[in-house]
PDB file of N, CA and C in Angstrom:
ATOM      1  N   UNK A   1       0.940  -1.107  -0.033  1.00  0.00           N
ATOM      2  CA  UNK A   1      -0.017  -0.129  -0.003  1.00  0.00           C
ATOM      3  C   UNK A   1       0.997   1.180   0.113  1.00  0.00           C
ATOM      4  N   UNK A   2       0.419   2.003  -0.634  1.00  0.00           N
ATOM      5  CA  UNK A   2       1.374   3.566  -0.868  1.00  0.00           C
ATOM      6  C   UNK A   2       0.178   4.773  -0.463  1.00  0.00           C
ATOM      7  N   UNK A   3       0.985   5.644   0.269  1.00  0.00           N
ATOM      8  CA  UNK A   3       0.244   6.829   0.672  1.00  0.00           C
ATOM      9  C   UNK A   3       0.819   8.109   0.320  1.00  0.00           C
ATOM     10  N   UNK A   4      -0.347   8.987  -0.412  1.00  0.00           N
ATOM     11  CA  UNK A   4       0.264  10.014  -1.064  1.00  0.00           C
ATOM     12  C   UNK A   4      -0.787  10.931  -0.741  1.00  0.00           C
ATOM     13  N   UNK A   5       0.265  12.708  -1.079  1.00  0.00           N
ATOM     14  CA  UNK A   5      -0.374  14.037  -0.454  1.00  0.00           C
ATOM     15  C   UNK A   5      -1.026  14.565  -1.739  1.00  0.00           C
ATOM     16  N   UNK A   6      -2.131  15.037  -1.955  1.00  0.00           N
ATOM     17  CA  UNK A   6      -2.521  15.743  -2.826  1.00  0.00           C
ATOM     18  C   UNK A   6      -2.661  16.943  -2.530  1.00  0.00           C
ATOM     19  N   UNK A   7      -1.893  17.800  -3.767  1.00  0.00           N
ATOM     20  CA  UNK A   7      -2.348  19.365  -3.020  1.00  0.00           C
ATOM     21  C   UNK A   7      -2.739  20.237  -4.186  1.00  0.00           C
ATOM     22  N   UNK A   8      -3.432  21.156  -4.021  1.00  0.00           N
ATOM     23  CA  UNK A   8      -3.716  21.941  -5.019  1.00  0.00           C
ATOM     24  C   UNK A   8      -3.026  23.236  -5.365  1.00  0.00           C
ATOM     25  N   UNK A   9      -2.524  23.838  -6.397  1.00  0.00           N
ATOM     26  CA  UNK A   9      -1.245  24.193  -6.760  1.00  0.00           C
ATOM     27  C   UNK A   9      -2.057  25.923  -7.412  1.00  0.00           C
ATOM     28  N   UNK A  10      -3.281  25.710  -7.818  1.00  0.00           N
ATOM     29  CA  UNK A  10      -3.668  27.080  -8.032  1.00  0.00           C
ATOM     30  C   UNK A  10      -4.907  27.374  -7.382  1.00  0.00           C
ATOM     31  N   UNK A  11      -5.727  28.636  -7.546  1.00  0.00           N
ATOM     32  CA  UNK A  11      -6.709  29.219  -7.377  1.00  0.00           C
ATOM     33  C   UNK A  11      -7.821  29.414  -8.485  1.00  0.00           C
ATOM     34  N   UNK A  12      -8.957  28.585  -8.222  1.00  0.00           N
ATOM     35  CA  UNK A  12      -9.773  28.496  -9.480  1.00  0.00           C
ATOM     36  C   UNK A  12     -11.278  28.631  -8.679  1.00  0.00           C
ATOM     37  N   UNK A  13     -12.227  29.538  -9.420  1.00  0.00           N
ATOM     38  CA  UNK A  13     -13.652  29.249  -8.873  1.00  0.00           C
ATOM     39  C   UNK A  13     -14.058  28.906 -10.393  1.00  0.00           C
ATOM     40  N   UNK A  14     -14.825  27.719 -10.585  1.00  0.00           N
ATOM     41  CA  UNK A  14     -15.328  26.911 -11.492  1.00  0.00           C
ATOM     42  C   UNK A  14     -16.593  26.238 -11.272  1.00  0.00           C
ATOM     43  N   UNK A  15     -17.729  26.513 -12.062  1.00  0.00           N
ATOM     44  CA  UNK A  15     -19.081  25.575 -11.577  1.00  0.00           C
ATOM     45  C   UNK A  15     -19.581  25.812 -10.109  1.00  0.00           C
ATOM     46  N   UNK A  16     -19.333  27.079  -9.393  1.00  0.00           N
ATOM     47  CA  UNK A  16     -19.681  27.525  -8.331  1.00  0.00           C
ATOM     48  C   UNK A  16     -18.533  27.042  -7.358  1.00  0.00           C
ATOM     49  N   UNK A  17     -17.499  26.006  -7.675  1.00  0.00           N
ATOM     50  CA  UNK A  17     -16.575  25.637  -6.497  1.00  0.00           C
ATOM     51  C   UNK A  17     -15.485  26.385  -6.477  1.00  0.00           C
ATOM     52  N   UNK A  18     -15.189  26.859  -5.189  1.00  0.00           N
ATOM     53  CA  UNK A  18     -13.679  27.560  -5.416  1.00  0.00           C
ATOM     54  C   UNK A  18     -12.650  26.938  -4.580  1.00  0.00           C
ATOM     55  N   UNK A  19     -11.265  26.683  -5.394  1.00  0.00           N
ATOM     56  CA  UNK A  19     -10.365  25.891  -5.140  1.00  0.00           C
ATOM     57  C   UNK A  19      -9.387  27.230  -4.725  1.00  0.00           C
ATOM     58  N   UNK A  20      -8.667  26.660  -3.647  1.00  0.00           N
ATOM     59  CA  UNK A  20      -7.557  27.550  -3.061  1.00  0.00           C
ATOM     60  C   UNK A  20      -6.176  26.729  -3.419  1.00  0.00           C
ATOM     61  N   UNK A  21      -5.265  27.780  -3.476  1.00  0.00           N
ATOM     62  CA  UNK A  21      -4.011  26.782  -3.476  1.00  0.00           C
ATOM     63  C   UNK A  21      -3.619  26.243  -1.976  1.00  0.00           C
ATOM     64  N   UNK A  22      -2.711  25.010  -1.898  1.00  0.00           N
ATOM     65  CA  UNK A  22      -2.291  24.435  -0.645  1.00  0.00           C
ATOM     66  C   UNK A  22      -3.621  23.701  -0.066  1.00  0.00           C
ATOM     67  N   UNK A  23      -4.677  23.431  -0.717  1.00  0.00           N
ATOM     68  CA  UNK A  23      -5.718  22.504   0.214  1.00  0.00           C
ATOM     69  C   UNK A  23      -5.416  21.062  -0.208  1.00  0.00           C
ATOM     70  N   UNK A  24      -5.206  20.066   1.179  1.00  0.00           N
ATOM     71  CA  UNK A  24      -4.243  18.902   0.745  1.00  0.00           C
ATOM     72  C   UNK A  24      -5.179  17.822   1.312  1.00  0.00           C
ATOM     73  N   UNK A  25      -4.998  16.949   0.606  1.00  0.00           N
ATOM     74  CA  UNK A  25      -5.673  15.493   1.251  1.00  0.00           C
ATOM     75  C   UNK A  25      -4.756  14.572   1.034  1.00  0.00           C
ATOM     76  N   UNK A  26      -4.504  13.504   2.309  1.00  0.00           N
ATOM     77  CA  UNK A  26      -4.070  12.343   1.817  1.00  0.00           C
ATOM     78  C   UNK A  26      -4.883  11.251   1.577  1.00  0.00           C
ATOM     79  N   UNK A  27      -4.214  10.348   0.628  1.00  0.00           N
ATOM     80  CA  UNK A  27      -4.902   8.934   0.461  1.00  0.00           C
ATOM     81  C   UNK A  27      -4.176   7.523   0.007  1.00  0.00           C
ATOM     82  N   UNK A  28      -4.659   6.784   0.571  1.00  0.00           N
ATOM     83  CA  UNK A  28      -3.809   5.266   0.699  1.00  0.00           C
ATOM     84  C   UNK A  28      -4.546   4.654  -0.389  1.00  0.00           C
ATOM     85  N   UNK A  29      -3.361   4.080  -1.095  1.00  0.00           N
ATOM     86  CA  UNK A  29      -4.164   3.205  -1.980  1.00  0.00           C
ATOM     87  C   UNK A  29      -3.195   1.923  -2.276  1.00  0.00           C
ATOM     88  N   UNK A  30      -4.089   0.940  -3.152  1.00  0.00           N
ATOM     89  CA  UNK A  30      -3.464  -0.210  -3.214  1.00  0.00           C
ATOM     90  C   UNK A  30      -2.125  -0.373  -4.334  1.00  0.00           C
ATOM     91  N   UNK A  31      -2.354   0.633  -5.156  1.00  0.00           N
ATOM     92  CA  UNK A  31      -1.443   0.688  -6.321  1.00  0.00           C
ATOM     93  C   UNK A  31      -0.007   1.948  -5.916  1.00  0.00           C
ATOM     94  N   UNK A  32       1.012   1.546  -6.656  1.00  0.00           N
ATOM     95  CA  UNK A  32       1.931   2.484  -6.258  1.00  0.00           C
ATOM     96  C   UNK A  32       1.890   3.595  -7.508  1.00  0.00           C
ATOM     97  N   UNK A  33       1.282   3.614  -8.250  1.00  0.00           N
ATOM     98  CA  UNK A  33       1.068   4.633  -9.429  1.00  0.00           C
ATOM     99  C   UNK A  33      -0.020   5.973  -8.755  1.00  0.00           C
ATOM    100  N   UNK A  34       0.321   6.832  -9.605  1.00  0.00           N
ATOM    101  CA  UNK A  34      -0.222   8.333  -9.659  1.00  0.00           C
ATOM    102  C   UNK A  34      -2.442   8.002  -9.258  1.00  0.00           C
ATOM    103  N   UNK A  35      -2.553   8.321  -8.001  1.00  0.00           N
ATOM    104  CA  UNK A  35      -3.692   8.160  -7.817  1.00  0.00           C
ATOM    105  C   UNK A  35      -5.054   9.061  -8.463  1.00  0.00           C
ATOM    106  N   UNK A  36      -4.219  10.142  -8.821  1.00  0.00           N
ATOM    107  CA  UNK A  36      -5.272  11.181  -9.585  1.00  0.00           C
ATOM    108  C   UNK A  36      -5.670  10.612 -11.418  1.00  0.00           C
ATOM    109  N   UNK A  37      -4.399   9.504 -11.687  1.00  0.00           N
ATOM    110  CA  UNK A  37      -5.052   8.989 -12.860  1.00  0.00           C
ATOM    111  C   UNK A  37      -5.135   7.430 -12.904  1.00  0.00           C
ATOM    112  N   UNK A  38      -5.312   7.006 -11.679  1.00  0.00           N
ATOM    113  CA  UNK A  38      -5.899   5.538 -11.394  1.00  0.00           C
ATOM    114  C   UNK A  38      -7.371   5.660 -11.101  1.00  0.00           C
ATOM    115  N   UNK A  39      -8.049   4.416 -11.813  1.00  0.00           N
ATOM    116  CA  UNK A  39      -9.243   4.323 -11.458  1.00  0.00           C
ATOM    117  C   UNK A  39     -10.105   5.634 -11.481  1.00  0.00           C
ATOM    118  N   UNK A  40      -9.867   6.519 -12.056  1.00  0.00           N
ATOM    119  CA  UNK A  40     -10.742   7.732 -12.513  1.00  0.00           C
ATOM    120  C   UNK A  40     -10.478   8.634 -11.435  1.00  0.00           C
ATOM    121  N   UNK A  41      -9.802   8.629 -10.485  1.00  0.00           N
ATOM    122  CA  UNK A  41      -9.239   9.531  -9.588  1.00  0.00           C
ATOM    123  C   UNK A  41     -10.271   9.355  -8.773  1.00  0.00           C
ATOM    124  N   UNK A  42     -11.050   8.164  -8.216  1.00  0.00           N
ATOM    125  CA  UNK A  42     -12.101   7.866  -7.279  1.00  0.00           C
ATOM    126  C   UNK A  42     -11.716   8.616  -5.734  1.00  0.00           C
ATOM    127  N   UNK A  43     -10.749   7.643  -5.571  1.00  0.00           N
ATOM    128  CA  UNK A  43     -10.081   8.058  -4.040  1.00  0.00           C
ATOM    129  C   UNK A  43      -9.617   9.585  -3.769  1.00  0.00           C
ATOM    130  N   UNK A  44      -9.036  10.421  -4.739  1.00  0.00           N
ATOM    131  CA  UNK A  44      -8.865  11.864  -4.709  1.00  0.00           C
ATOM    132  C   UNK A  44     -10.230  12.832  -4.685  1.00  0.00           C
ATOM    133  N   UNK A  45     -11.228  12.036  -5.398  1.00  0.00           N
ATOM    134  CA  UNK A  45     -12.759  12.669  -5.312  1.00  0.00           C
ATOM    135  C   UNK A  45     -12.938  12.753  -4.144  1.00  0.00           C
ATOM    136  N   UNK A  46     -13.253  11.500  -3.543  1.00  0.00           N
ATOM    137  CA  UNK A  46     -13.641  11.205  -2.182  1.00  0.00           C
ATOM    138  C   UNK A  46     -13.138  11.629  -1.055  1.00  0.00           C
ATOM    139  N   UNK A  47     -11.695  12.146  -1.325  1.00  0.00           N
ATOM    140  CA  UNK A  47     -10.860  12.531   0.093  1.00  0.00           C
ATOM    141  C   UNK A  47     -11.283  14.159   0.022  1.00  0.00           C
ATOM    142  N   UNK A  48     -11.437  14.756  -1.096  1.00  0.00           N
ATOM    143  CA  UNK A  48     -11.494  16.371  -1.098  1.00  0.00           C
ATOM    144  C   UNK A  48     -13.349  16.420  -1.134  1.00  0.00           C
ATOM    145  N   UNK A  49     -13.982  15.418  -0.853  1.00  0.00           N
ATOM    146  CA  UNK A  49     -15.354  15.910  -0.669  1.00  0.00           C
ATOM    147  C   UNK A  49     -15.751  15.286   0.608  1.00  0.00           C
ATOM    148  N   UNK A  50     -14.847  14.713   1.093  1.00  0.00           N
ATOM    149  CA  UNK A  50     -14.820  14.174   2.828  1.00  0.00           C
ATOM    150  C   UNK A  50     -14.283  15.479   3.489  1.00  0.00           C
ATOM    151  N   UNK A  51     -13.317  15.834   3.483  1.00  0.00           N
ATOM    152  CA  UNK A  51     -12.293  16.876   4.149  1.00  0.00           C
ATOM    153  C   UNK A  51     -13.059  18.303   3.709  1.00  0.00           C
ATOM    154  N   UNK A  52     -13.033  18.554   2.695  1.00  0.00           N
ATOM    155  CA  UNK A  52     -13.350  19.836   2.301  1.00  0.00           C
ATOM    156  C   UNK A  52     -14.927  20.308   1.837  1.00  0.00           C
ATOM    157  N   UNK A  53     -15.737  19.254   1.096  1.00  0.00           N
ATOM    158  CA  UNK A  53     -17.343  19.219   1.171  1.00  0.00           C
ATOM    159  C   UNK A  53     -17.095  19.743  -0.583  1.00  0.00           C
ATOM    160  N   UNK A  54     -15.651  19.617  -1.397  1.00  0.00           N
ATOM    161  CA  UNK A  54     -15.915  19.872  -2.441  1.00  0.00           C
ATOM    162  C   UNK A  54     -15.760  19.165  -3.775  1.00  0.00           C
ATOM    163  N   UNK A  55     -16.446  18.838  -5.035  1.00  0.00           N
ATOM    164  CA  UNK A  55     -15.778  17.883  -5.918  1.00  0.00           C
ATOM    165  C   UNK A  55     -14.807  18.312  -6.919  1.00  0.00           C
ATOM    166  N   UNK A  56     -13.844  17.998  -6.862  1.00  0.00           N
ATOM    167  CA  UNK A  56     -12.658  18.415  -7.377  1.00  0.00           C
ATOM    168  C   UNK A  56     -12.844  18.022  -9.135  1.00  0.00           C
ATOM    169  N   UNK A  57     -13.350  16.987  -9.169  1.00  0.00           N
ATOM    170  CA  UNK A  57     -14.218  16.379 -10.610  1.00  0.00           C
ATOM    171  C   UNK A  57     -14.897  17.604 -11.478  1.00  0.00           C
ATOM    172  N   UNK A  58     -15.751  17.863 -10.765  1.00  0.00           N
ATOM    173  CA  UNK A  58     -16.622  19.029 -11.212  1.00  0.00           C
ATOM    174  C   UNK A  58     -16.017  20.190 -11.332  1.00  0.00           C
ATOM    175  N   UNK A  59     -15.162  20.672 -10.482  1.00  0.00           N
ATOM    176  CA  UNK A  59     -14.254  21.810 -10.630  1.00  0.00           C
ATOM    177  C   UNK A  59     -13.455  21.767 -11.712  1.00  0.00           C
ATOM    178  N   UNK A  60     -13.137  21.036 -12.160  1.00  0.00           N
ATOM    179  CA  UNK A  60     -12.187  20.672 -13.359  1.00  0.00           C
ATOM    180  C   UNK A  60     -10.324  20.548 -13.005  1.00  0.00           C
ATOM    181  N   UNK A  61     -10.336  20.168 -11.446  1.00  0.00           N
ATOM    182  CA  UNK A  61      -9.201  20.110 -11.334  1.00  0.00           C
ATOM    183  C   UNK A  61      -8.433  18.711 -10.743  1.00  0.00           C
ATOM    184  N   UNK A  62      -9.092  17.885 -11.442  1.00  0.00           N
ATOM    185  CA  UNK A  62      -8.837  16.508 -11.388  1.00  0.00           C
ATOM    186  C   UNK A  62      -7.264  16.302 -12.450  1.00  0.00           C
ATOM    187  N   UNK A  63      -6.412  16.788 -12.205  1.00  0.00           N
ATOM    188  CA  UNK A  63      -5.389  16.567 -13.383  1.00  0.00           C
ATOM    189  C   UNK A  63      -3.791  16.878 -12.344  1.00  0.00           C
ATOM    190  N   UNK A  64      -2.934  16.542 -13.240  1.00  0.00           N
ATOM    191  CA  UNK A  64      -1.605  16.425 -12.858  1.00  0.00           C
ATOM    192  C   UNK A  64      -1.095  18.280 -13.029  1.00  0.00           C
ATOM    193  N   UNK A  65      -1.873  18.865 -13.646  1.00  0.00           N
ATOM    194  CA  UNK A  65      -1.777  20.508 -13.768  1.00  0.00           C
ATOM    195  C   UNK A  65      -2.412  21.094 -12.577  1.00  0.00           C
ATOM    196  N   UNK A  66      -3.283  21.150 -12.088  1.00  0.00           N
ATOM    197  CA  UNK A  66      -3.770  21.466 -10.737  1.00  0.00           C
ATOM    198  C   UNK A  66      -3.556  20.911  -9.659  1.00  0.00           C
ATOM    199  N   UNK A  67      -3.097  19.733  -9.640  1.00  0.00           N
ATOM    200  CA  UNK A  67      -2.692  19.164  -8.362  1.00  0.00           C
ATOM    201  C   UNK A  67      -1.383  18.535  -8.463  1.00  0.00           C
ATOM    202  N   UNK A  68      -0.615  18.540  -7.328  1.00  0.00           N
ATOM    203  CA  UNK A  68       0.458  17.933  -7.101  1.00  0.00           C
ATOM    204  C   UNK A  68       0.673  16.628  -6.456  1.00  0.00           C
ATOM    205  N   UNK A  69       1.242  15.735  -6.835  1.00  0.00           N
ATOM    206  CA  UNK A  69       0.689  14.514  -6.242  1.00  0.00           C
ATOM    207  C   UNK A  69       2.336  13.950  -5.727  1.00  0.00           C
ATOM    208  N   UNK A  70       2.452  13.824  -4.394  1.00  0.00           N
ATOM    209  CA  UNK A  70       3.704  13.489  -3.575  1.00  0.00           C
ATOM    210  C   UNK A  70       3.376  11.885  -2.866  1.00  0.00           C
ATOM    211  N   UNK A  71       4.669  11.118  -3.253  1.00  0.00           N
ATOM    212  CA  UNK A  71       4.419   9.708  -2.779  1.00  0.00           C
ATOM    213  C   UNK A  71       4.886   9.971  -1.376  1.00  0.00           C
ATOM    214  N   UNK A  72       4.134   9.647  -0.025  1.00  0.00           N
ATOM    215  CA  UNK A  72       4.340  10.144   1.370  1.00  0.00           C
ATOM    216  C   UNK A  72       4.906   8.719   2.152  1.00  0.00           C
ATOM    217  N   UNK A  73       4.490   7.536   1.888  1.00  0.00           N
ATOM    218  CA  UNK A  73       4.930   6.340   2.478  1.00  0.00           C
ATOM    219  C   UNK A  73       4.466   5.036   1.729  1.00  0.00           C
TER     220      UNK A  73
END
């Protein structure tokens, strides 16, 4: 199992959702690959919804341009 920290890079306001730089979540996955691009980013979407109450996919930020992915464990 691998743990990743996903952090937003930029400020955006799209579809009524406001993203601020530095918003961060931690995701544990079975896979060693990038959780943003694996399984449709479901663990990342769920983590942002659980912690911040925002839909990162609806905001158009579920990509490696807007998110910094760092493996921490």
